[in-house]
């Protein structure tokens, strides 16, 4: 299951999985684009493995990696608790 995390000003949506059996969390980023449909990428926490980058520039990829890195503690906590709506931060 994927849980909503954040929507940025440019309508980029960031969602995350629950904690996966291997202990990682899948973070999926998607930005609508009138020409290409959607740009998207996947980052796995906590090892920051990147997969499926589609139509983001190298600068955008770096931006999103840094953005996710700055929010990783929240995403990991929310993933363990069933998403933002069910998470209890301790």
N, C-alpha and C. Protein backbone atom coordinates (compact mmCIF):
# COMPACT_ATOMS: atom_id res chain seq x y z
N UNK A 1 0.84 -1.18 0.00
CA UNK A 1 0.00 0.00 0.00
C UNK A 1 0.89 1.24 0.00
N UNK A 2 0.44 2.26 -0.69
CA UNK A 2 1.16 3.53 -0.73
C UNK A 2 0.33 4.58 0.02
N UNK A 3 1.05 5.41 0.79
CA UNK A 3 0.41 6.44 1.60
C UNK A 3 0.84 7.82 1.10
N UNK A 4 -0.10 8.78 1.03
CA UNK A 4 0.28 10.14 0.63
C UNK A 4 1.17 10.77 1.70
N UNK A 5 2.18 11.49 1.23
CA UNK A 5 3.06 12.21 2.16
C UNK A 5 2.95 13.71 1.96
N UNK A 6 3.12 14.16 0.71
CA UNK A 6 3.16 15.60 0.48
C UNK A 6 2.86 15.90 -0.98
N UNK A 7 2.22 17.06 -1.21
CA UNK A 7 2.06 17.60 -2.55
C UNK A 7 2.75 18.96 -2.58
N UNK A 8 3.68 19.13 -3.51
CA UNK A 8 4.43 20.38 -3.62
C UNK A 8 3.67 21.40 -4.45
N UNK A 9 4.15 22.63 -4.48
CA UNK A 9 3.47 23.72 -5.19
C UNK A 9 3.28 23.46 -6.68
N UNK A 10 4.17 22.68 -7.29
CA UNK A 10 4.05 22.39 -8.73
C UNK A 10 3.23 21.13 -8.99
N UNK A 11 2.47 20.67 -8.00
CA UNK A 11 1.63 19.46 -8.05
C UNK A 11 2.42 18.16 -8.05
N UNK A 12 3.72 18.22 -7.73
CA UNK A 12 4.48 16.99 -7.54
C UNK A 12 3.94 16.30 -6.31
N UNK A 13 3.64 15.03 -6.46
CA UNK A 13 3.12 14.23 -5.36
C UNK A 13 4.20 13.27 -4.87
N UNK A 14 4.32 13.17 -3.56
CA UNK A 14 5.26 12.26 -2.94
C UNK A 14 4.45 11.31 -2.07
N UNK A 15 4.61 10.01 -2.34
CA UNK A 15 3.92 8.98 -1.57
C UNK A 15 4.96 7.97 -1.09
N UNK A 16 4.59 7.18 -0.10
CA UNK A 16 5.52 6.18 0.42
C UNK A 16 4.78 4.91 0.77
N UNK A 17 5.53 3.82 0.82
CA UNK A 17 4.98 2.53 1.20
C UNK A 17 5.01 2.38 2.71
N UNK A 18 4.45 1.28 3.18
CA UNK A 18 4.68 0.86 4.56
C UNK A 18 6.11 0.35 4.63
N UNK A 19 6.58 0.01 5.80
CA UNK A 19 7.90 -0.58 5.90
C UNK A 19 7.86 -1.95 5.23
N UNK A 20 8.74 -2.15 4.26
CA UNK A 20 8.77 -3.38 3.48
C UNK A 20 9.44 -4.50 4.29
N UNK A 21 9.23 -5.76 3.90
CA UNK A 21 9.84 -6.87 4.64
C UNK A 21 11.35 -6.77 4.80
N UNK A 22 12.02 -6.11 3.85
CA UNK A 22 13.48 -5.96 3.96
C UNK A 22 13.89 -4.75 4.80
N UNK A 23 12.90 -4.06 5.40
CA UNK A 23 13.17 -2.92 6.27
C UNK A 23 13.22 -1.59 5.56
N UNK A 24 13.17 -1.60 4.23
CA UNK A 24 13.23 -0.35 3.48
C UNK A 24 11.83 0.24 3.31
N UNK A 25 11.79 1.48 2.85
CA UNK A 25 10.55 2.18 2.53
C UNK A 25 10.66 2.71 1.11
N UNK A 26 9.67 2.42 0.29
CA UNK A 26 9.65 2.90 -1.09
C UNK A 26 9.01 4.29 -1.11
N UNK A 27 9.71 5.26 -1.71
CA UNK A 27 9.19 6.62 -1.88
C UNK A 27 9.03 6.86 -3.38
N UNK A 28 7.84 7.23 -3.80
CA UNK A 28 7.54 7.45 -5.20
C UNK A 28 7.21 8.92 -5.39
N UNK A 29 7.85 9.53 -6.39
CA UNK A 29 7.67 10.95 -6.69
C UNK A 29 7.14 11.06 -8.10
N UNK A 30 6.09 11.89 -8.28
CA UNK A 30 5.45 12.01 -9.59
C UNK A 30 5.05 13.47 -9.84
N UNK A 31 5.45 13.99 -10.99
CA UNK A 31 5.14 15.37 -11.36
C UNK A 31 4.36 15.37 -12.67
N UNK A 32 3.16 15.97 -12.71
CA UNK A 32 2.42 16.01 -13.97
C UNK A 32 3.13 16.91 -14.98
N UNK A 33 3.05 16.54 -16.23
CA UNK A 33 3.66 17.31 -17.31
C UNK A 33 2.71 17.25 -18.52
N UNK A 34 2.34 18.40 -19.03
CA UNK A 34 1.38 18.46 -20.15
C UNK A 34 1.89 17.73 -21.38
N UNK A 35 3.18 17.74 -21.62
CA UNK A 35 3.74 17.11 -22.81
C UNK A 35 3.98 15.61 -22.63
N UNK A 36 4.58 15.23 -21.50
CA UNK A 36 5.03 13.85 -21.28
C UNK A 36 4.08 13.01 -20.43
N UNK A 37 3.03 13.59 -19.92
CA UNK A 37 2.16 12.87 -18.99
C UNK A 37 2.65 13.08 -17.57
N UNK A 38 3.54 12.22 -17.10
CA UNK A 38 4.10 12.35 -15.76
C UNK A 38 5.59 12.06 -15.78
N UNK A 39 6.33 12.83 -15.02
CA UNK A 39 7.73 12.50 -14.72
C UNK A 39 7.67 11.76 -13.39
N UNK A 40 8.53 10.77 -13.22
CA UNK A 40 8.48 10.04 -11.96
C UNK A 40 9.81 9.39 -11.64
N UNK A 41 9.95 9.04 -10.37
CA UNK A 41 11.12 8.32 -9.89
C UNK A 41 10.79 7.63 -8.57
N UNK A 42 11.60 6.64 -8.23
CA UNK A 42 11.44 5.90 -6.98
C UNK A 42 12.75 5.96 -6.22
N UNK A 43 12.65 6.22 -4.92
CA UNK A 43 13.81 6.21 -4.03
C UNK A 43 13.47 5.26 -2.88
N UNK A 44 14.39 4.38 -2.55
CA UNK A 44 14.19 3.50 -1.40
C UNK A 44 15.00 4.02 -0.22
N UNK A 45 14.33 4.11 0.92
CA UNK A 45 14.99 4.49 2.16
C UNK A 45 15.28 3.23 2.95
N UNK A 46 16.29 3.12 3.66
CA UNK A 46 17.17 4.18 4.06
C UNK A 46 18.47 4.16 3.26
N UNK A 47 18.55 3.34 2.20
CA UNK A 47 19.80 3.25 1.45
C UNK A 47 19.84 4.20 0.25
N UNK A 48 18.76 4.93 -0.02
CA UNK A 48 18.68 5.91 -1.10
C UNK A 48 18.95 5.30 -2.47
N UNK A 49 18.54 4.04 -2.64
CA UNK A 49 18.62 3.41 -3.96
C UNK A 49 17.57 4.05 -4.85
N UNK A 50 17.99 4.45 -6.04
CA UNK A 50 17.10 5.14 -6.99
C UNK A 50 16.75 4.18 -8.11
N UNK A 51 15.47 4.16 -8.47
CA UNK A 51 14.99 3.33 -9.56
C UNK A 51 14.00 4.12 -10.41
N UNK A 52 13.83 3.69 -11.62
CA UNK A 52 12.76 4.17 -12.49
C UNK A 52 12.71 5.68 -12.65
N UNK A 53 13.81 6.31 -12.94
CA UNK A 53 13.78 7.75 -13.19
C UNK A 53 13.27 7.97 -14.61
N UNK A 54 12.20 8.75 -14.74
CA UNK A 54 11.62 9.02 -16.05
C UNK A 54 11.42 10.52 -16.22
N UNK A 55 12.18 11.09 -17.13
CA UNK A 55 12.05 12.48 -17.58
C UNK A 55 12.46 13.56 -16.59
N UNK A 56 13.04 13.21 -15.45
CA UNK A 56 13.62 14.24 -14.59
C UNK A 56 15.04 14.51 -15.04
N UNK A 57 15.46 15.76 -14.94
CA UNK A 57 16.84 16.11 -15.24
C UNK A 57 17.73 15.66 -14.08
N UNK A 58 19.03 15.66 -14.30
CA UNK A 58 19.96 15.30 -13.23
C UNK A 58 19.81 16.26 -12.05
N UNK A 59 19.56 17.53 -12.32
CA UNK A 59 19.38 18.52 -11.25
C UNK A 59 18.11 18.24 -10.47
N UNK A 60 17.04 17.85 -11.15
CA UNK A 60 15.79 17.53 -10.46
C UNK A 60 15.95 16.28 -9.61
N UNK A 61 16.64 15.28 -10.13
CA UNK A 61 16.89 14.06 -9.37
C UNK A 61 17.66 14.41 -8.09
N UNK A 62 18.69 15.20 -8.21
CA UNK A 62 19.47 15.62 -7.04
C UNK A 62 18.60 16.38 -6.05
N UNK A 63 17.75 17.28 -6.56
CA UNK A 63 16.85 18.04 -5.69
C UNK A 63 15.94 17.11 -4.90
N UNK A 64 15.31 16.16 -5.58
CA UNK A 64 14.38 15.26 -4.90
C UNK A 64 15.09 14.32 -3.92
N UNK A 65 16.28 13.87 -4.26
CA UNK A 65 17.05 13.06 -3.32
C UNK A 65 17.32 13.86 -2.04
N UNK A 66 17.77 15.09 -2.20
CA UNK A 66 18.05 15.94 -1.04
C UNK A 66 16.77 16.24 -0.25
N UNK A 67 15.68 16.46 -0.96
CA UNK A 67 14.41 16.74 -0.31
C UNK A 67 13.97 15.52 0.52
N UNK A 68 14.00 14.35 -0.10
CA UNK A 68 13.60 13.12 0.60
C UNK A 68 14.55 12.86 1.77
N UNK A 69 15.83 13.09 1.57
CA UNK A 69 16.81 12.89 2.65
C UNK A 69 16.45 13.78 3.85
N UNK A 70 16.03 15.01 3.60
CA UNK A 70 15.70 15.92 4.70
C UNK A 70 14.41 15.52 5.42
N UNK A 71 13.57 14.73 4.78
CA UNK A 71 12.30 14.29 5.36
C UNK A 71 12.30 12.80 5.71
N UNK A 72 13.42 12.12 5.52
CA UNK A 72 13.47 10.67 5.67
C UNK A 72 13.02 10.20 7.05
N UNK A 73 13.42 10.92 8.08
CA UNK A 73 13.02 10.50 9.43
C UNK A 73 11.51 10.49 9.59
N UNK A 74 10.83 11.45 9.01
CA UNK A 74 9.37 11.49 9.06
C UNK A 74 8.75 10.37 8.23
N UNK A 75 9.25 10.21 7.01
CA UNK A 75 8.71 9.19 6.11
C UNK A 75 8.87 7.80 6.73
N UNK A 76 10.03 7.51 7.28
CA UNK A 76 10.27 6.20 7.89
C UNK A 76 9.33 5.99 9.08
N UNK A 77 9.15 7.02 9.87
CA UNK A 77 8.24 6.92 11.02
C UNK A 77 6.80 6.72 10.57
N UNK A 78 6.36 7.48 9.58
CA UNK A 78 5.00 7.33 9.07
C UNK A 78 4.80 5.96 8.45
N UNK A 79 5.80 5.46 7.76
CA UNK A 79 5.71 4.14 7.12
C UNK A 79 5.51 3.05 8.16
N UNK A 80 6.18 3.17 9.28
CA UNK A 80 6.06 2.18 10.35
C UNK A 80 4.70 2.23 11.03
N UNK A 81 4.05 3.39 10.96
CA UNK A 81 2.77 3.57 11.65
C UNK A 81 1.55 3.53 10.76
N UNK A 82 1.72 3.18 9.49
CA UNK A 82 0.56 3.10 8.60
C UNK A 82 0.19 4.40 7.93
N UNK A 83 1.18 5.22 7.64
CA UNK A 83 0.92 6.48 6.94
C UNK A 83 0.71 7.63 7.91
N UNK A 84 0.67 8.82 7.38
CA UNK A 84 0.55 10.05 8.17
C UNK A 84 -0.70 10.04 9.05
N UNK A 85 -1.83 9.61 8.49
CA UNK A 85 -3.09 9.66 9.24
C UNK A 85 -3.11 8.71 10.42
N UNK A 86 -2.30 7.67 10.40
CA UNK A 86 -2.29 6.69 11.49
C UNK A 86 -1.03 6.73 12.34
N UNK A 87 -0.05 7.53 11.95
CA UNK A 87 1.25 7.52 12.64
C UNK A 87 1.19 8.28 13.95
N UNK A 88 1.93 7.77 14.91
CA UNK A 88 2.14 8.45 16.16
C UNK A 88 3.63 8.65 16.31
N UNK A 89 4.05 9.88 16.29
CA UNK A 89 5.48 10.17 16.42
C UNK A 89 5.84 10.16 17.90
N UNK A 90 6.83 9.35 18.23
CA UNK A 90 7.24 9.24 19.63
C UNK A 90 8.63 9.79 19.77
